[in-house]
Amino acid sequence: MKEEFKSLSELYNKVKPALTTKTHELKRSGMNYIKEEDIWNCLKELKWAKTTNLTLSEMVSDIFDISIDALDIYIKKQMAKAKRNANFDDIESLF
């Protein structure tokens, strides 16, 4: 039986135990700055967006299999983007 989800929030809550487990694993590796939401957003944007008919078990597998390097690069890019946007907002306020 294929499970259907009404929202991304509902799906997120369903895979949250896997996200929590992965986050704890990363913390043991010294990656304290990576949050559950970071793992979710990274996979959602970079892997799952290109996939159709993804099963819950495939998503959980992806969560456990994502590399530290992939997450680290994703988060650093997101931080750089946020910094650029903040700097742009600062410049915009001068006008």
C-alpha atoms as a PDB file:
ATOM      1  CA  MET A   1       0.000   0.000   0.000  1.00  0.00           C
ATOM      2  CA  LYS A   2       1.402   3.360  -1.040  1.00  0.00           C
ATOM      3  CA  GLU A   3       1.273   6.014   1.657  1.00  0.00           C
ATOM      4  CA  GLU A   4       0.053   9.456   0.591  1.00  0.00           C
ATOM      5  CA  PHE A   5       0.898  12.689   2.383  1.00  0.00           C
ATOM      6  CA  LYS A   6      -1.249  15.804   2.311  1.00  0.00           C
ATOM      7  CA  SER A   7       1.608  18.239   2.938  1.00  0.00           C
ATOM      8  CA  LEU A   8       5.370  18.564   3.120  1.00  0.00           C
ATOM      9  CA  SER A   9       4.970  19.173   6.839  1.00  0.00           C
ATOM     10  CA  GLU A  10       3.233  15.831   7.272  1.00  0.00           C
ATOM     11  CA  LEU A  11       5.968  14.084   5.267  1.00  0.00           C
ATOM     12  CA  TYR A  12       8.676  15.874   7.258  1.00  0.00           C
ATOM     13  CA  ASN A  13       7.130  14.665  10.512  1.00  0.00           C
ATOM     14  CA  LYS A  14       7.039  11.110   9.173  1.00  0.00           C
ATOM     15  CA  VAL A  15      10.805  11.076   8.385  1.00  0.00           C
ATOM     16  CA  LYS A  16      11.761  13.183  11.435  1.00  0.00           C
ATOM     17  CA  PRO A  17      13.076  10.171  13.418  1.00  0.00           C
ATOM     18  CA  ALA A  18      15.551   9.450  10.614  1.00  0.00           C
ATOM     19  CA  LEU A  19      16.545  13.129  10.476  1.00  0.00           C
ATOM     20  CA  THR A  20      17.058  13.166  14.249  1.00  0.00           C
ATOM     21  CA  THR A  21      19.190  10.027  14.108  1.00  0.00           C
ATOM     22  CA  LYS A  22      21.328  11.442  11.293  1.00  0.00           C
ATOM     23  CA  THR A  23      21.762  14.724  13.174  1.00  0.00           C
ATOM     24  CA  HIS A  24      22.996  12.833  16.261  1.00  0.00           C
ATOM     25  CA  GLU A  25      25.429  10.897  14.074  1.00  0.00           C
ATOM     26  CA  LEU A  26      26.752  14.143  12.611  1.00  0.00           C
ATOM     27  CA  LYS A  27      27.162  15.678  16.070  1.00  0.00           C
ATOM     28  CA  ARG A  28      29.307  12.711  17.094  1.00  0.00           C
ATOM     29  CA  SER A  29      31.469  13.537  14.057  1.00  0.00           C
ATOM     30  CA  GLY A  30      31.861  17.147  15.201  1.00  0.00           C
ATOM     31  CA  MET A  31      29.295  18.648  12.817  1.00  0.00           C
ATOM     32  CA  ASN A  32      27.291  20.426  15.527  1.00  0.00           C
ATOM     33  CA  TYR A  33      26.008  23.157  13.217  1.00  0.00           C
ATOM     34  CA  ILE A  34      23.975  20.825  10.967  1.00  0.00           C
ATOM     35  CA  LYS A  35      20.295  20.704  11.900  1.00  0.00           C
ATOM     36  CA  GLU A  36      17.498  18.350  10.876  1.00  0.00           C
ATOM     37  CA  GLU A  37      16.078  21.075   8.654  1.00  0.00           C
ATOM     38  CA  ASP A  38      19.406  21.384   6.838  1.00  0.00           C
ATOM     39  CA  ILE A  39      19.391  17.699   5.929  1.00  0.00           C
ATOM     40  CA  TRP A  40      15.747  17.909   4.862  1.00  0.00           C
ATOM     41  CA  ASN A  41      16.252  21.022   2.737  1.00  0.00           C
ATOM     42  CA  CYS A  42      19.423  19.708   1.126  1.00  0.00           C
ATOM     43  CA  LEU A  43      17.795  16.462   0.031  1.00  0.00           C
ATOM     44  CA  LYS A  44      14.519  18.170  -0.894  1.00  0.00           C
ATOM     45  CA  GLU A  45      16.247  20.708  -3.130  1.00  0.00           C
ATOM     46  CA  LEU A  46      19.115  18.699  -4.581  1.00  0.00           C
ATOM     47  CA  LYS A  47      17.938  15.098  -4.763  1.00  0.00           C
ATOM     48  CA  TRP A  48      14.231  14.632  -4.274  1.00  0.00           C
ATOM     49  CA  ALA A  49      13.141  17.507  -6.513  1.00  0.00           C
ATOM     50  CA  LYS A  50      14.404  15.527  -9.517  1.00  0.00           C
ATOM     51  CA  THR A  51      12.704  12.288  -8.460  1.00  0.00           C
ATOM     52  CA  THR A  52       9.210  10.956  -9.057  1.00  0.00           C
ATOM     53  CA  ASN A  53       7.323   8.249  -7.167  1.00  0.00           C
ATOM     54  CA  LEU A  54       9.757   8.385  -4.266  1.00  0.00           C
ATOM     55  CA  THR A  55       8.937   5.946  -1.480  1.00  0.00           C
ATOM     56  CA  LEU A  56       9.237   6.623   2.217  1.00  0.00           C
ATOM     57  CA  SER A  57      11.890   3.922   2.544  1.00  0.00           C
ATOM     58  CA  GLU A  58      13.944   5.554  -0.238  1.00  0.00           C
ATOM     59  CA  MET A  59      13.740   8.884   1.550  1.00  0.00           C
ATOM     60  CA  VAL A  60      14.872   7.367   4.844  1.00  0.00           C
ATOM     61  CA  SER A  61      17.713   5.618   3.031  1.00  0.00           C
ATOM     62  CA  ASP A  62      18.756   8.922   1.435  1.00  0.00           C
ATOM     63  CA  ILE A  63      18.766  10.579   4.862  1.00  0.00           C
ATOM     64  CA  PHE A  64      21.055   7.925   6.319  1.00  0.00           C
ATOM     65  CA  ASP A  65      23.285   7.814   3.229  1.00  0.00           C
ATOM     66  CA  ILE A  66      23.846  11.534   2.622  1.00  0.00           C
ATOM     67  CA  SER A  67      27.503  12.377   2.993  1.00  0.00           C
ATOM     68  CA  ILE A  68      28.891  14.848   5.471  1.00  0.00           C
ATOM     69  CA  ASP A  69      30.714  16.566   2.617  1.00  0.00           C
ATOM     70  CA  ALA A  70      27.511  17.088   0.620  1.00  0.00           C
ATOM     71  CA  LEU A  71      25.770  18.588   3.655  1.00  0.00           C
ATOM     72  CA  ASP A  72      28.742  20.766   4.531  1.00  0.00           C
ATOM     73  CA  ILE A  73      28.936  22.199   0.999  1.00  0.00           C
ATOM     74  CA  TYR A  74      25.163  22.765   0.870  1.00  0.00           C
ATOM     75  CA  ILE A  75      25.120  24.591   4.212  1.00  0.00           C
ATOM     76  CA  LYS A  76      28.118  26.759   3.341  1.00  0.00           C
ATOM     77  CA  LYS A  77      26.436  27.754   0.066  1.00  0.00           C
ATOM     78  CA  GLN A  78      23.214  28.592   1.918  1.00  0.00           C
ATOM     79  CA  MET A  79      25.143  30.685   4.457  1.00  0.00           C
ATOM     80  CA  ALA A  80      26.964  32.542   1.677  1.00  0.00           C
ATOM     81  CA  LYS A  81      23.653  33.206  -0.095  1.00  0.00           C
ATOM     82  CA  ALA A  82      22.090  34.501   3.126  1.00  0.00           C
ATOM     83  CA  LYS A  83      25.089  36.762   3.711  1.00  0.00           C
ATOM     84  CA  ARG A  84      24.883  38.158   0.158  1.00  0.00           C
ATOM     85  CA  ASN A  85      21.173  38.844   0.631  1.00  0.00           C
ATOM     86  CA  ALA A  86      21.813  40.555   3.970  1.00  0.00           C
ATOM     87  CA  ASN A  87      24.544  42.695   2.426  1.00  0.00           C
ATOM     88  CA  PHE A  88      22.233  43.629  -0.440  1.00  0.00           C
ATOM     89  CA  ASP A  89      19.537  44.629   2.029  1.00  0.00           C
ATOM     90  CA  ASP A  90      22.071  46.826   3.838  1.00  0.00           C
ATOM     91  CA  ILE A  91      23.042  48.519   0.584  1.00  0.00           C
ATOM     92  CA  GLU A  92      19.401  48.944  -0.439  1.00  0.00           C
ATOM     93  CA  SER A  93      18.631  50.735   2.832  1.00  0.00           C
ATOM     94  CA  LEU A  94      21.121  53.448   1.891  1.00  0.00           C
ATOM     95  CA  PHE A  95      18.913  54.619  -0.968  1.00  0.00           C
END
